[in-house]
C-alpha atoms as a PDB file:
ATOM      1  CA  MET A   1      10.466 -18.290  10.457  1.00  0.00           C
ATOM      2  CA  LYS A   2      12.381 -16.049  13.093  1.00  0.00           C
ATOM      3  CA  LEU A   3      11.830 -12.382  12.344  1.00  0.00           C
ATOM      4  CA  PHE A   4      14.742  -9.648  12.268  1.00  0.00           C
ATOM      5  CA  PRO A   5      15.159  -7.294  15.520  1.00  0.00           C
ATOM      6  CA  MET A   6      13.597  -4.039  15.618  1.00  0.00           C
ATOM      7  CA  ILE A   7      15.114  -0.605  15.929  1.00  0.00           C
ATOM      8  CA  ILE A   8      12.211   1.585  17.425  1.00  0.00           C
ATOM      9  CA  LEU A   9      13.321   5.292  17.135  1.00  0.00           C
ATOM     10  CA  ALA A  10      11.810   6.970  20.254  1.00  0.00           C
ATOM     11  CA  GLY A  11      13.990  10.040  20.842  1.00  0.00           C
ATOM     12  CA  GLY A  12      12.010  12.672  19.625  1.00  0.00           C
ATOM     13  CA  LEU A  13      11.015  15.678  21.478  1.00  0.00           C
ATOM     14  CA  ALA A  14       7.397  15.166  20.839  1.00  0.00           C
ATOM     15  CA  THR A  15       6.853  19.148  20.433  1.00  0.00           C
ATOM     16  CA  ARG A  16       3.227  18.860  18.554  1.00  0.00           C
ATOM     17  CA  LEU A  17       1.867  16.898  21.615  1.00  0.00           C
ATOM     18  CA  ARG A  18       2.833  19.644  24.158  1.00  0.00           C
ATOM     19  CA  PRO A  19       1.741  20.255  26.771  1.00  0.00           C
ATOM     20  CA  ILE A  20       1.260  16.596  27.241  1.00  0.00           C
ATOM     21  CA  THR A  21       4.774  15.862  26.428  1.00  0.00           C
ATOM     22  CA  GLU A  22       6.462  18.326  28.818  1.00  0.00           C
ATOM     23  CA  LYS A  23       6.920  15.994  31.461  1.00  0.00           C
ATOM     24  CA  ILE A  24       6.529  12.303  29.604  1.00  0.00           C
ATOM     25  CA  PRO A  25       8.224  10.963  26.634  1.00  0.00           C
ATOM     26  CA  LYS A  26       5.513  10.677  23.686  1.00  0.00           C
ATOM     27  CA  ALA A  27       6.332   6.663  24.316  1.00  0.00           C
ATOM     28  CA  LEU A  28       4.340   7.099  27.534  1.00  0.00           C
ATOM     29  CA  VAL A  29       1.562   9.022  26.455  1.00  0.00           C
ATOM     30  CA  GLU A  30      -1.725   7.440  26.963  1.00  0.00           C
ATOM     31  CA  VAL A  31      -3.995   5.959  24.393  1.00  0.00           C
ATOM     32  CA  GLY A  32      -6.297   3.019  24.481  1.00  0.00           C
ATOM     33  CA  GLY A  33      -5.967   3.271  28.560  1.00  0.00           C
ATOM     34  CA  LYS A  34      -2.208   2.487  28.388  1.00  0.00           C
ATOM     35  CA  PRO A  35       1.063   4.083  27.628  1.00  0.00           C
ATOM     36  CA  PHE A  36       1.366   3.865  23.712  1.00  0.00           C
ATOM     37  CA  ILE A  37       4.699   1.874  23.711  1.00  0.00           C
ATOM     38  CA  TYR A  38       2.456  -0.915  25.646  1.00  0.00           C
ATOM     39  CA  HIS A  39       0.554  -1.207  22.422  1.00  0.00           C
ATOM     40  CA  GLN A  40       3.144  -0.680  19.997  1.00  0.00           C
ATOM     41  CA  LEU A  41       5.008  -3.721  21.811  1.00  0.00           C
ATOM     42  CA  LYS A  42       2.312  -5.937  22.395  1.00  0.00           C
ATOM     43  CA  LEU A  43       1.440  -5.533  18.575  1.00  0.00           C
ATOM     44  CA  LEU A  44       5.028  -6.244  17.560  1.00  0.00           C
ATOM     45  CA  ASN A  45       5.046  -9.457  20.164  1.00  0.00           C
ATOM     46  CA  ASP A  46       1.739 -10.749  18.554  1.00  0.00           C
ATOM     47  CA  ARG A  47       3.280 -10.274  14.667  1.00  0.00           C
ATOM     48  CA  GLY A  48       6.000 -12.412  15.830  1.00  0.00           C
ATOM     49  CA  ILE A  49       9.000  -9.888  16.525  1.00  0.00           C
ATOM     50  CA  LYS A  50      10.646 -10.787  19.965  1.00  0.00           C
ATOM     51  CA  ASP A  51      14.121  -8.610  19.996  1.00  0.00           C
ATOM     52  CA  VAL A  52      13.501  -5.013  20.028  1.00  0.00           C
ATOM     53  CA  VAL A  53      16.198  -2.237  20.747  1.00  0.00           C
ATOM     54  CA  ILE A  54      14.818   0.971  21.960  1.00  0.00           C
ATOM     55  CA  SER A  55      16.544   4.314  20.464  1.00  0.00           C
ATOM     56  CA  ALA A  56      15.828   6.801  23.217  1.00  0.00           C
ATOM     57  CA  GLY A  57      16.218  10.548  23.688  1.00  0.00           C
ATOM     58  CA  TYR A  58      13.925  12.696  25.322  1.00  0.00           C
ATOM     59  CA  LEU A  59      13.077  11.538  28.815  1.00  0.00           C
ATOM     60  CA  GLY A  60      14.258   7.963  27.703  1.00  0.00           C
ATOM     61  CA  ASP A  61      14.815   6.851  31.101  1.00  0.00           C
ATOM     62  CA  MET A  62      11.336   6.967  31.860  1.00  0.00           C
ATOM     63  CA  ILE A  63      10.722   4.633  28.950  1.00  0.00           C
ATOM     64  CA  ARG A  64      13.307   2.040  30.223  1.00  0.00           C
ATOM     65  CA  ASP A  65      11.724   2.341  33.896  1.00  0.00           C
ATOM     66  CA  TYR A  66       8.222   1.322  32.376  1.00  0.00           C
ATOM     67  CA  VAL A  67       9.449  -1.303  29.668  1.00  0.00           C
ATOM     68  CA  HIS A  68      12.574  -2.783  31.688  1.00  0.00           C
ATOM     69  CA  ASP A  69      13.852  -5.797  29.657  1.00  0.00           C
ATOM     70  CA  GLY A  70      10.494  -6.632  28.146  1.00  0.00           C
ATOM     71  CA  LYS A  71       9.857 -10.158  29.965  1.00  0.00           C
ATOM     72  CA  GLN A  72       6.446  -8.705  30.519  1.00  0.00           C
ATOM     73  CA  PHE A  73       5.714  -8.596  26.735  1.00  0.00           C
ATOM     74  CA  GLY A  74       7.542 -11.716  25.997  1.00  0.00           C
ATOM     75  CA  MET A  75      10.343  -9.927  24.586  1.00  0.00           C
ATOM     76  CA  ASN A  76      14.124  -9.104  24.741  1.00  0.00           C
ATOM     77  CA  ILE A  77      14.465  -5.307  24.915  1.00  0.00           C
ATOM     78  CA  GLU A  78      17.791  -3.303  24.922  1.00  0.00           C
ATOM     79  CA  TYR A  79      18.415   0.606  24.944  1.00  0.00           C
ATOM     80  CA  VAL A  80      20.507   3.196  23.229  1.00  0.00           C
ATOM     81  CA  PHE A  81      20.536   6.655  24.157  1.00  0.00           C
ATOM     82  CA  ASP A  82      21.499   9.489  21.785  1.00  0.00           C
ATOM     83  CA  GLY A  83      22.907  11.656  24.538  1.00  0.00           C
ATOM     84  CA  GLU A  84      22.975  15.334  24.695  1.00  0.00           C
ATOM     85  CA  ILE A  85      22.956  16.197  21.102  1.00  0.00           C
ATOM     86  CA  SER A  86      20.277  14.805  18.919  1.00  0.00           C
ATOM     87  CA  LEU A  87      21.487  12.610  16.179  1.00  0.00           C
ATOM     88  CA  GLY A  88      18.465  12.556  14.113  1.00  0.00           C
ATOM     89  CA  THR A  89      16.436   9.256  12.787  1.00  0.00           C
ATOM     90  CA  GLY A  90      19.355   8.033  10.790  1.00  0.00           C
ATOM     91  CA  GLY A  91      21.953   8.861  13.246  1.00  0.00           C
ATOM     92  CA  ALA A  92      20.070   7.048  16.010  1.00  0.00           C
ATOM     93  CA  ILE A  93      20.006   4.144  13.583  1.00  0.00           C
ATOM     94  CA  ALA A  94      23.639   4.252  13.291  1.00  0.00           C
ATOM     95  CA  ASN A  95      24.164   4.611  17.034  1.00  0.00           C
ATOM     96  CA  ALA A  96      22.237   1.531  17.758  1.00  0.00           C
ATOM     97  CA  ILE A  97      23.574  -0.712  15.236  1.00  0.00           C
ATOM     98  CA  HIS A  98      25.834  -2.513  17.820  1.00  0.00           C
ATOM     99  CA  LYS A  99      22.921  -4.155  19.230  1.00  0.00           C
ATOM    100  CA  VAL A 100      22.107  -5.879  16.142  1.00  0.00           C
ATOM    101  CA  ILE A 101      23.269  -8.755  13.935  1.00  0.00           C
ATOM    102  CA  GLY A 102      22.508  -8.932  10.334  1.00  0.00           C
ATOM    103  CA  PRO A 103      19.298  -7.423   8.802  1.00  0.00           C
ATOM    104  CA  PHE A 104      16.939  -5.488  11.033  1.00  0.00           C
ATOM    105  CA  PHE A 105      13.567  -3.512  11.022  1.00  0.00           C
ATOM    106  CA  VAL A 106      13.061  -0.070  11.804  1.00  0.00           C
ATOM    107  CA  LEU A 107      10.068   1.697  13.022  1.00  0.00           C
ATOM    108  CA  TYR A 108       8.977   5.271  13.909  1.00  0.00           C
ATOM    109  CA  GLY A 109       8.353   5.405  17.825  1.00  0.00           C
ATOM    110  CA  ASP A 110       4.793   6.964  17.377  1.00  0.00           C
ATOM    111  CA  SER A 111       3.828   4.350  14.396  1.00  0.00           C
ATOM    112  CA  TYR A 112       1.181   1.752  15.109  1.00  0.00           C
ATOM    113  CA  LEU A 113       1.387  -0.690  11.951  1.00  0.00           C
ATOM    114  CA  PRO A 114      -0.803  -3.655  11.908  1.00  0.00           C
ATOM    115  CA  CYS A 115       0.831  -5.089   8.826  1.00  0.00           C
ATOM    116  CA  ASN A 116       2.264  -8.431   8.392  1.00  0.00           C
ATOM    117  CA  TYR A 117       5.995  -8.286   9.099  1.00  0.00           C
ATOM    118  CA  LYS A 118       6.490 -11.833   8.171  1.00  0.00           C
ATOM    119  CA  LYS A 119       5.300 -11.227   4.876  1.00  0.00           C
ATOM    120  CA  ILE A 120       7.455  -7.828   4.522  1.00  0.00           C
ATOM    121  CA  GLN A 121      10.421 -10.058   5.585  1.00  0.00           C
ATOM    122  CA  SER A 122       9.974 -12.661   3.150  1.00  0.00           C
ATOM    123  CA  HIS A 123       9.941 -10.328   0.407  1.00  0.00           C
ATOM    124  CA  PHE A 124      13.222  -8.729   1.418  1.00  0.00           C
ATOM    125  CA  ASN A 125      14.679 -12.158   1.781  1.00  0.00           C
ATOM    126  CA  LYS A 126      13.962 -12.847  -2.106  1.00  0.00           C
ATOM    127  CA  TYR A 127      16.392 -10.219  -3.392  1.00  0.00           C
ATOM    128  CA  THR A 128      19.916  -8.797  -2.406  1.00  0.00           C
ATOM    129  CA  GLN A 129      19.065  -5.438  -2.119  1.00  0.00           C
ATOM    130  CA  PRO A 130      20.640  -3.537   1.392  1.00  0.00           C
ATOM    131  CA  ALA A 131      17.438  -1.759   2.269  1.00  0.00           C
ATOM    132  CA  LEU A 132      13.447  -2.125   1.842  1.00  0.00           C
ATOM    133  CA  MET A 133      10.794   0.873   2.495  1.00  0.00           C
ATOM    134  CA  THR A 134       7.421  -0.150   3.110  1.00  0.00           C
ATOM    135  CA  VAL A 135       4.799   2.022   1.250  1.00  0.00           C
ATOM    136  CA  TYR A 136       0.963   2.912   1.240  1.00  0.00           C
ATOM    137  CA  GLN A 137      -1.265   4.118  -1.567  1.00  0.00           C
ATOM    138  CA  ASN A 138      -2.224   7.148   0.327  1.00  0.00           C
ATOM    139  CA  HIS A 139      -3.355   9.441  -2.074  1.00  0.00           C
ATOM    140  CA  ASP A 140      -2.942  12.401   0.740  1.00  0.00           C
ATOM    141  CA  LYS A 141      -5.841  10.693   2.304  1.00  0.00           C
ATOM    142  CA  TRP A 142      -4.199  10.061   5.939  1.00  0.00           C
ATOM    143  CA  ASP A 143      -1.325  12.464   5.674  1.00  0.00           C
ATOM    144  CA  LYS A 144       0.474  14.434   2.528  1.00  0.00           C
ATOM    145  CA  SER A 145       1.747  11.877   0.041  1.00  0.00           C
ATOM    146  CA  ASN A 146       5.518  11.831  -0.464  1.00  0.00           C
ATOM    147  CA  ILE A 147       6.428   9.017  -2.542  1.00  0.00           C
ATOM    148  CA  GLU A 148       6.494   8.739  -6.451  1.00  0.00           C
ATOM    149  CA  MET A 149       6.080   4.845  -7.683  1.00  0.00           C
ATOM    150  CA  VAL A 150       6.819   3.852 -11.089  1.00  0.00           C
ATOM    151  CA  ASP A 151       6.457   0.124 -12.093  1.00  0.00           C
ATOM    152  CA  ASN A 152       6.538  -0.874  -8.260  1.00  0.00           C
ATOM    153  CA  LYS A 153       9.599   1.292  -7.792  1.00  0.00           C
ATOM    154  CA  ILE A 154      10.133   4.388  -6.021  1.00  0.00           C
ATOM    155  CA  VAL A 155      11.510   6.872  -7.910  1.00  0.00           C
ATOM    156  CA  HIS A 156      11.195   9.808  -5.947  1.00  0.00           C
ATOM    157  CA  TYR A 157      10.821  10.473  -2.116  1.00  0.00           C
ATOM    158  CA  ASP A 158      10.657  13.637  -0.300  1.00  0.00           C
ATOM    159  CA  LYS A 159       8.635  14.688   2.985  1.00  0.00           C
ATOM    160  CA  LYS A 160       9.462  18.419   2.636  1.00  0.00           C
ATOM    161  CA  HIS A 161       8.697  19.026  -1.078  1.00  0.00           C
ATOM    162  CA  THR A 162       5.902  17.220  -2.622  1.00  0.00           C
ATOM    163  CA  THR A 163       4.648  16.986  -5.989  1.00  0.00           C
ATOM    164  CA  ASP A 164       1.370  15.980  -7.859  1.00  0.00           C
ATOM    165  CA  ASN A 165       3.141  12.763  -9.076  1.00  0.00           C
ATOM    166  CA  MET A 166       3.205  11.459  -5.255  1.00  0.00           C
ATOM    167  CA  HIS A 167       0.394   8.962  -4.652  1.00  0.00           C
ATOM    168  CA  TYR A 168       2.178   7.068  -2.064  1.00  0.00           C
ATOM    169  CA  ILE A 169       3.709   7.450   1.656  1.00  0.00           C
ATOM    170  CA  ASP A 170       6.236   6.353   3.577  1.00  0.00           C
ATOM    171  CA  TYR A 171       4.504   3.809   5.820  1.00  0.00           C
ATOM    172  CA  GLY A 172       6.943   3.885   8.746  1.00  0.00           C
ATOM    173  CA  LEU A 173       8.665   1.009   8.293  1.00  0.00           C
ATOM    174  CA  GLY A 174      11.910  -0.087   7.096  1.00  0.00           C
ATOM    175  CA  ILE A 175      14.433  -3.188   6.962  1.00  0.00           C
ATOM    176  CA  PHE A 176      18.093  -2.203   6.671  1.00  0.00           C
ATOM    177  CA  THR A 177      21.457  -4.204   6.532  1.00  0.00           C
ATOM    178  CA  PRO A 178      24.209  -2.888   8.671  1.00  0.00           C
ATOM    179  CA  SER A 179      26.071  -2.109   5.588  1.00  0.00           C
ATOM    180  CA  VAL A 180      24.003   0.844   4.883  1.00  0.00           C
ATOM    181  CA  PHE A 181      25.439   2.744   8.030  1.00  0.00           C
ATOM    182  CA  ASP A 182      28.988   1.887   7.355  1.00  0.00           C
ATOM    183  CA  ASN A 183      29.921   5.371   6.584  1.00  0.00           C
ATOM    184  CA  ILE A 184      27.892   6.940   9.160  1.00  0.00           C
ATOM    185  CA  GLU A 185      29.567   7.885  12.465  1.00  0.00           C
ATOM    186  CA  LYS A 186      27.794   7.134  15.360  1.00  0.00           C
ATOM    187  CA  SER A 187      27.779  10.995  16.660  1.00  0.00           C
ATOM    188  CA  GLN A 188      26.956  12.026  13.565  1.00  0.00           C
ATOM    189  CA  TYR A 189      23.375  13.904  12.974  1.00  0.00           C
ATOM    190  CA  ILE A 190      21.607  12.554   9.570  1.00  0.00           C
ATOM    191  CA  ASP A 191      17.798  12.109   8.624  1.00  0.00           C
ATOM    192  CA  LEU A 192      16.787   8.662   7.424  1.00  0.00           C
ATOM    193  CA  MET A 193      14.975  10.298   4.672  1.00  0.00           C
ATOM    194  CA  ASP A 194      18.355  11.562   3.306  1.00  0.00           C
ATOM    195  CA  ILE A 195      19.831   7.883   3.827  1.00  0.00           C
ATOM    196  CA  TYR A 196      16.381   6.616   1.593  1.00  0.00           C
ATOM    197  CA  ILE A 197      17.164   9.290  -0.913  1.00  0.00           C
ATOM    198  CA  GLN A 198      20.716   8.158  -1.261  1.00  0.00           C
ATOM    199  CA  LEU A 199      19.384   4.566  -1.762  1.00  0.00           C
ATOM    200  CA  ILE A 200      16.993   5.525  -4.393  1.00  0.00           C
ATOM    201  CA  GLU A 201      19.753   7.050  -6.519  1.00  0.00           C
ATOM    202  CA  GLU A 202      21.990   4.101  -6.271  1.00  0.00           C
ATOM    203  CA  ASP A 203      19.085   1.683  -7.141  1.00  0.00           C
ATOM    204  CA  LYS A 204      19.555  -0.023  -3.966  1.00  0.00           C
ATOM    205  CA  LEU A 205      15.957   0.252  -2.425  1.00  0.00           C
ATOM    206  CA  LEU A 206      13.284  -2.059  -2.496  1.00  0.00           C
ATOM    207  CA  ALA A 207       9.710  -1.005  -2.188  1.00  0.00           C
ATOM    208  CA  TYR A 208       6.937  -3.245  -0.664  1.00  0.00           C
ATOM    209  CA  GLU A 209       3.444  -1.948  -0.611  1.00  0.00           C
ATOM    210  CA  VAL A 210       1.296  -2.470   2.527  1.00  0.00           C
ATOM    211  CA  LYS A 211      -2.364  -2.390   2.319  1.00  0.00           C
ATOM    212  CA  GLU A 212      -3.434  -2.167   5.792  1.00  0.00           C
ATOM    213  CA  ARG A 213      -3.340   1.611   6.523  1.00  0.00           C
ATOM    214  CA  PHE A 214      -0.964   3.120   9.381  1.00  0.00           C
ATOM    215  CA  TYR A 215      -1.950   4.796  12.631  1.00  0.00           C
ATOM    216  CA  GLU A 216       0.078   7.355  14.604  1.00  0.00           C
ATOM    217  CA  ILE A 217       0.172   9.522  17.871  1.00  0.00           C
ATOM    218  CA  GLY A 218       2.593  12.096  16.340  1.00  0.00           C
ATOM    219  CA  SER A 219      -0.420  14.714  16.357  1.00  0.00           C
ATOM    220  CA  PHE A 220      -3.463  14.928  18.302  1.00  0.00           C
ATOM    221  CA  ASP A 221      -5.455  13.850  15.675  1.00  0.00           C
ATOM    222  CA  GLY A 222      -3.643  10.692  15.187  1.00  0.00           C
ATOM    223  CA  LEU A 223      -3.944  10.299  18.812  1.00  0.00           C
ATOM    224  CA  ARG A 224      -7.458  10.918  19.160  1.00  0.00           C
ATOM    225  CA  GLU A 225      -8.327   8.226  16.248  1.00  0.00           C
ATOM    226  CA  LEU A 226      -6.115   5.820  17.592  1.00  0.00           C
ATOM    227  CA  ASP A 227      -7.385   6.033  21.279  1.00  0.00           C
ATOM    228  CA  GLY A 228     -10.923   5.495  19.968  1.00  0.00           C
ATOM    229  CA  LEU A 229     -10.076   2.515  17.939  1.00  0.00           C
ATOM    230  CA  LEU A 230      -8.093   0.731  20.720  1.00  0.00           C
ATOM    231  CA  LYS A 231     -10.981   1.537  23.277  1.00  0.00           C
ATOM    232  CA  GLU A 232     -13.758   0.491  20.638  1.00  0.00           C
ATOM    233  CA  ASP A 233     -12.394  -2.747  19.166  1.00  0.00           C
ATOM    234  CA  LEU A 234      -8.783  -4.376  19.319  1.00  0.00           C
ATOM    235  CA  ASN A 235     -10.151  -7.128  16.943  1.00  0.00           C
ATOM    236  CA  ILE A 236      -9.480  -4.612  14.034  1.00  0.00           C
ATOM    237  CA  PHE A 237      -6.155  -5.185  14.268  1.00  0.00           C
ATOM    238  CA  ILE A 238      -6.004  -8.986  14.062  1.00  0.00           C
ATOM    239  CA  ASP A 239      -3.756  -9.964  11.410  1.00  0.00           C
ATOM    240  CA  ASN A 240      -5.882 -12.180   8.646  1.00  0.00           C
END
Protein backbone atom coordinates (compact mmCIF):
# COMPACT_ATOMS: atom_id res chain seq x y z
CA MET A 1 0.00 0.00 0.00
CA LYS A 2 1.38 3.36 -1.02
CA LEU A 3 1.17 5.79 1.87
CA PHE A 4 -0.26 9.27 1.60
CA PRO A 5 2.16 12.21 1.30
CA MET A 6 3.14 13.99 4.49
CA ILE A 7 3.00 17.73 5.21
CA ILE A 8 5.41 18.63 8.01
CA LEU A 9 4.62 21.88 9.82
CA ALA A 10 8.05 23.35 10.50
CA GLY A 11 7.34 27.07 10.50
CA GLY A 12 7.33 27.91 14.21
CA LEU A 13 9.66 30.38 15.94
CA ALA A 14 10.69 27.81 18.58
CA THR A 15 10.85 30.45 21.31
CA ARG A 16 10.83 27.81 24.06
CA LEU A 17 14.21 26.53 22.86
CA ARG A 18 15.97 29.89 22.93
CA PRO A 19 18.88 30.60 22.86
CA ILE A 20 19.52 27.44 20.79
CA THR A 21 17.04 28.55 18.13
CA GLU A 22 18.20 32.14 17.80
CA LYS A 23 20.28 31.25 14.75
CA ILE A 24 18.85 27.92 13.60
CA PRO A 25 15.28 26.61 13.12
CA LYS A 26 13.94 23.96 15.50
CA ALA A 27 14.21 21.31 12.79
CA LEU A 28 18.00 21.65 12.85
CA VAL A 29 18.46 21.44 16.62
CA GLU A 30 20.89 18.61 17.34
CA VAL A 31 19.45 15.50 18.97
CA GLY A 32 21.00 12.06 18.98
CA GLY A 33 24.08 13.50 17.29
CA LYS A 34 22.26 14.85 14.22
CA PRO A 35 19.74 17.58 13.32
CA PHE A 36 16.26 16.58 14.51
CA ILE A 37 14.79 16.55 11.01
CA TYR A 38 17.29 13.86 10.02
CA HIS A 39 15.75 11.51 12.59
CA GLN A 40 12.21 12.60 11.75
CA LEU A 41 12.63 11.95 8.02
CA LYS A 42 14.48 8.68 8.57
CA LEU A 43 11.65 7.42 10.77
CA LEU A 44 9.03 8.40 8.17
CA ASN A 45 11.00 6.74 5.39
CA ASP A 46 11.44 3.57 7.45
CA ARG A 47 7.67 3.51 8.04
CA GLY A 48 6.92 3.78 4.31
CA ILE A 49 6.32 7.48 3.67
CA LYS A 50 8.25 8.64 0.61
CA ASP A 51 6.67 11.98 -0.37
CA VAL A 52 6.99 14.95 1.97
CA VAL A 53 6.15 18.64 1.81
CA ILE A 54 7.92 20.76 4.41
CA SER A 55 5.96 23.87 5.35
CA ALA A 56 8.67 26.21 6.59
CA GLY A 57 8.79 29.69 8.03
CA TYR A 58 11.40 30.92 10.49
CA LEU A 59 14.87 30.32 8.96
CA GLY A 60 13.26 27.89 6.55
CA ASP A 61 15.98 28.27 3.94
CA MET A 62 18.36 26.53 6.35
CA ILE A 63 16.07 23.49 6.42
CA ARG A 64 16.02 23.36 2.62
CA ASP A 65 19.80 23.75 2.46
CA TYR A 66 20.21 20.73 4.74
CA VAL A 67 17.51 18.41 3.39
CA HIS A 68 17.60 19.44 -0.30
CA ASP A 69 15.27 17.30 -2.44
CA GLY A 70 15.35 14.37 -0.01
CA LYS A 71 17.24 11.92 -2.21
CA GLN A 72 19.75 11.20 0.56
CA PHE A 73 16.79 9.99 2.65
CA GLY A 74 15.30 7.97 -0.20
CA MET A 75 12.41 10.44 -0.36
CA ASN A 76 10.91 13.13 -2.55
CA ILE A 77 10.78 16.39 -0.59
CA GLU A 78 9.30 19.73 -1.62
CA TYR A 79 8.87 23.04 0.23
CA VAL A 80 6.40 25.83 0.80
CA PHE A 81 7.10 28.96 2.84
CA ASP A 82 4.80 31.05 5.02
CA GLY A 83 6.31 34.33 3.90
CA GLU A 84 6.69 37.37 6.12
CA ILE A 85 3.40 36.81 7.97
CA SER A 86 2.75 33.67 10.03
CA LEU A 87 -0.21 31.67 8.74
CA GLY A 88 -0.72 29.48 11.81
CA THR A 89 -0.72 25.69 11.62
CA GLY A 90 -4.02 25.53 9.73
CA GLY A 91 -3.11 28.32 7.34
CA ALA A 92 0.23 26.67 6.64
CA ILE A 93 -1.56 23.50 5.54
CA ALA A 94 -3.89 25.47 3.27
CA ASN A 95 -0.82 27.13 1.78
CA ALA A 96 0.70 23.71 1.00
CA ILE A 97 -2.42 22.02 -0.43
CA HIS A 98 -1.35 22.60 -4.03
CA LYS A 99 1.65 20.31 -3.46
CA VAL A 100 -0.43 17.21 -2.73
CA ILE A 101 -3.12 15.23 -4.51
CA GLY A 102 -5.79 13.45 -2.52
CA PRO A 103 -5.62 12.68 1.24
CA PHE A 104 -2.45 13.50 3.15
CA PHE A 105 -0.86 13.17 6.57
CA VAL A 106 0.03 16.19 8.69
CA LEU A 107 2.81 16.09 11.29
CA TYR A 108 4.06 18.77 13.66
CA GLY A 109 7.67 19.73 12.99
CA ASP A 110 8.82 18.94 16.52
CA SER A 111 7.13 15.54 16.85
CA TYR A 112 8.84 12.14 16.71
CA LEU A 113 6.10 9.55 16.39
CA PRO A 114 7.11 5.86 16.24
CA CYS A 115 3.64 4.64 15.27
CA ASN A 116 2.29 2.42 12.50
CA TYR A 117 1.38 4.84 9.71
CA LYS A 118 0.03 2.06 7.47
CA LYS A 119 -2.51 0.96 10.10
CA ILE A 120 -3.61 4.56 10.62
CA GLN A 121 -4.10 5.08 6.88
CA SER A 122 -5.97 1.77 6.58
CA HIS A 123 -8.35 2.88 9.34
CA PHE A 124 -8.96 6.17 7.57
CA ASN A 125 -9.67 4.36 4.28
CA LYS A 126 -12.44 2.28 5.89
CA TYR A 127 -14.64 5.33 6.36
CA THR A 128 -15.85 8.34 4.39
CA GLN A 129 -14.94 11.01 6.92
CA PRO A 130 -12.76 13.87 5.60
CA ALA A 131 -10.29 13.86 8.49
CA LEU A 132 -8.68 11.76 11.23
CA MET A 133 -6.92 12.70 14.45
CA THR A 134 -4.58 10.29 16.21
CA VAL A 135 -4.97 10.27 19.98
CA TYR A 136 -3.03 8.80 22.89
CA GLN A 137 -4.39 7.85 26.33
CA ASN A 138 -2.17 10.19 28.27
CA HIS A 139 -3.78 10.89 31.65
CA ASP A 140 -1.61 14.04 31.93
CA LYS A 141 1.54 11.89 32.05
CA TRP A 142 3.65 13.21 29.19
CA ASP A 143 1.82 16.50 28.72
CA LYS A 144 -1.51 18.01 29.67
CA SER A 145 -4.34 15.91 28.25
CA ASN A 146 -6.66 17.88 25.96
CA ILE A 147 -9.20 15.44 24.51
CA GLU A 148 -12.37 13.93 25.92
CA MET A 149 -13.38 10.62 24.34
CA VAL A 150 -16.73 8.83 24.61
CA ASP A 151 -17.22 5.44 22.91
CA ASN A 152 -14.05 5.88 20.83
CA LYS A 153 -15.27 9.23 19.59
CA ILE A 154 -13.78 12.67 20.23
CA VAL A 155 -16.41 14.84 21.88
CA HIS A 156 -14.25 17.70 23.16
CA TYR A 157 -10.82 19.03 22.17
CA ASP A 158 -9.21 22.13 23.61
CA LYS A 159 -5.50 22.76 24.21
CA LYS A 160 -6.13 26.01 26.05
CA HIS A 161 -8.93 25.08 28.46
CA THR A 162 -8.65 21.52 29.74
CA THR A 163 -11.14 19.64 31.93
CA ASP A 164 -11.05 16.68 34.31
CA ASN A 165 -12.77 14.53 31.67
CA MET A 166 -9.84 14.85 29.27
CA HIS A 167 -7.74 11.69 29.50
CA TYR A 168 -6.41 11.66 25.93
CA ILE A 169 -4.07 13.95 24.05
CA ASP A 170 -3.65 15.01 20.44
CA TYR A 171 -0.84 12.65 19.36
CA GLY A 172 0.43 15.06 16.72
CA LEU A 173 -0.49 13.24 13.52
CA GLY A 174 -3.58 13.76 11.38
CA ILE A 175 -5.00 12.79 8.00
CA PHE A 176 -7.03 15.20 5.88
CA THR A 177 -8.69 15.37 2.51
CA PRO A 178 -8.07 18.66 0.66
CA SER A 179 -11.78 19.55 0.89
CA VAL A 180 -11.34 20.36 4.60
CA PHE A 181 -9.39 23.45 3.54
CA ASP A 182 -11.62 24.57 0.66
CA ASN A 183 -12.88 27.66 2.49
CA ILE A 184 -9.52 28.74 3.89
CA GLU A 185 -7.63 31.33 1.90
CA LYS A 186 -3.93 30.77 1.37
CA SER A 187 -3.02 33.95 3.24
CA GLN A 188 -5.46 33.37 6.11
CA TYR A 189 -4.18 32.81 9.64
CA ILE A 190 -5.90 29.89 11.35
CA ASP A 191 -4.85 27.36 13.98
CA LEU A 192 -5.20 23.66 13.23
CA MET A 193 -6.93 23.26 16.60
CA ASP A 194 -9.81 25.44 15.36
CA ILE A 195 -10.16 23.28 12.26
CA TYR A 196 -10.29 20.13 14.39
CA ILE A 197 -12.93 21.71 16.66
CA GLN A 198 -15.08 22.59 13.65
CA LEU A 199 -14.80 19.03 12.35
CA ILE A 200 -15.85 17.66 15.76
CA GLU A 201 -18.88 19.95 15.83
CA GLU A 202 -19.86 18.74 12.35
CA ASP A 203 -19.25 15.07 13.30
CA LYS A 204 -16.65 14.75 10.55
CA LEU A 205 -13.57 13.67 12.52
CA LEU A 206 -12.38 10.10 12.97
CA ALA A 207 -10.27 9.12 15.97
CA TYR A 208 -7.47 6.56 15.96
CA GLU A 209 -5.93 5.58 19.28
CA VAL A 210 -2.18 5.08 19.08
CA LYS A 211 -0.55 2.85 21.71
CA GLU A 212 3.06 4.04 21.21
CA ARG A 213 3.84 7.18 23.19
CA PHE A 214 4.92 10.36 21.47
CA TYR A 215 8.25 12.19 21.69
CA GLU A 216 8.92 15.85 20.99
CA ILE A 217 11.63 18.50 20.98
CA GLY A 218 9.37 21.46 21.59
CA SER A 219 10.73 21.81 25.12
CA PHE A 220 14.12 21.33 26.75
CA ASP A 221 12.79 18.37 28.74
CA GLY A 222 11.53 16.70 25.58
CA LEU A 223 14.76 17.44 23.77
CA ARG A 224 16.87 15.90 26.53
CA GLU A 225 14.69 12.80 26.72
CA LEU A 226 14.72 12.08 23.00
CA ASP A 227 18.44 12.84 22.78
CA GLY A 228 19.15 10.23 25.44
CA LEU A 229 16.90 7.63 23.87
CA LEU A 230 18.32 8.05 20.36
CA LYS A 231 21.87 7.81 21.66
CA GLU A 232 21.09 4.85 23.90
CA ASP A 233 19.25 2.44 21.64
CA LEU A 234 17.64 3.16 18.29
CA ASN A 235 16.04 -0.30 18.33
CA ILE A 236 13.37 0.89 20.78
CA PHE A 237 11.70 2.58 17.83
CA ILE A 238 11.50 -0.51 15.61
CA ASP A 239 7.91 -1.06 14.53
CA ASN A 240 6.85 -4.58 15.45
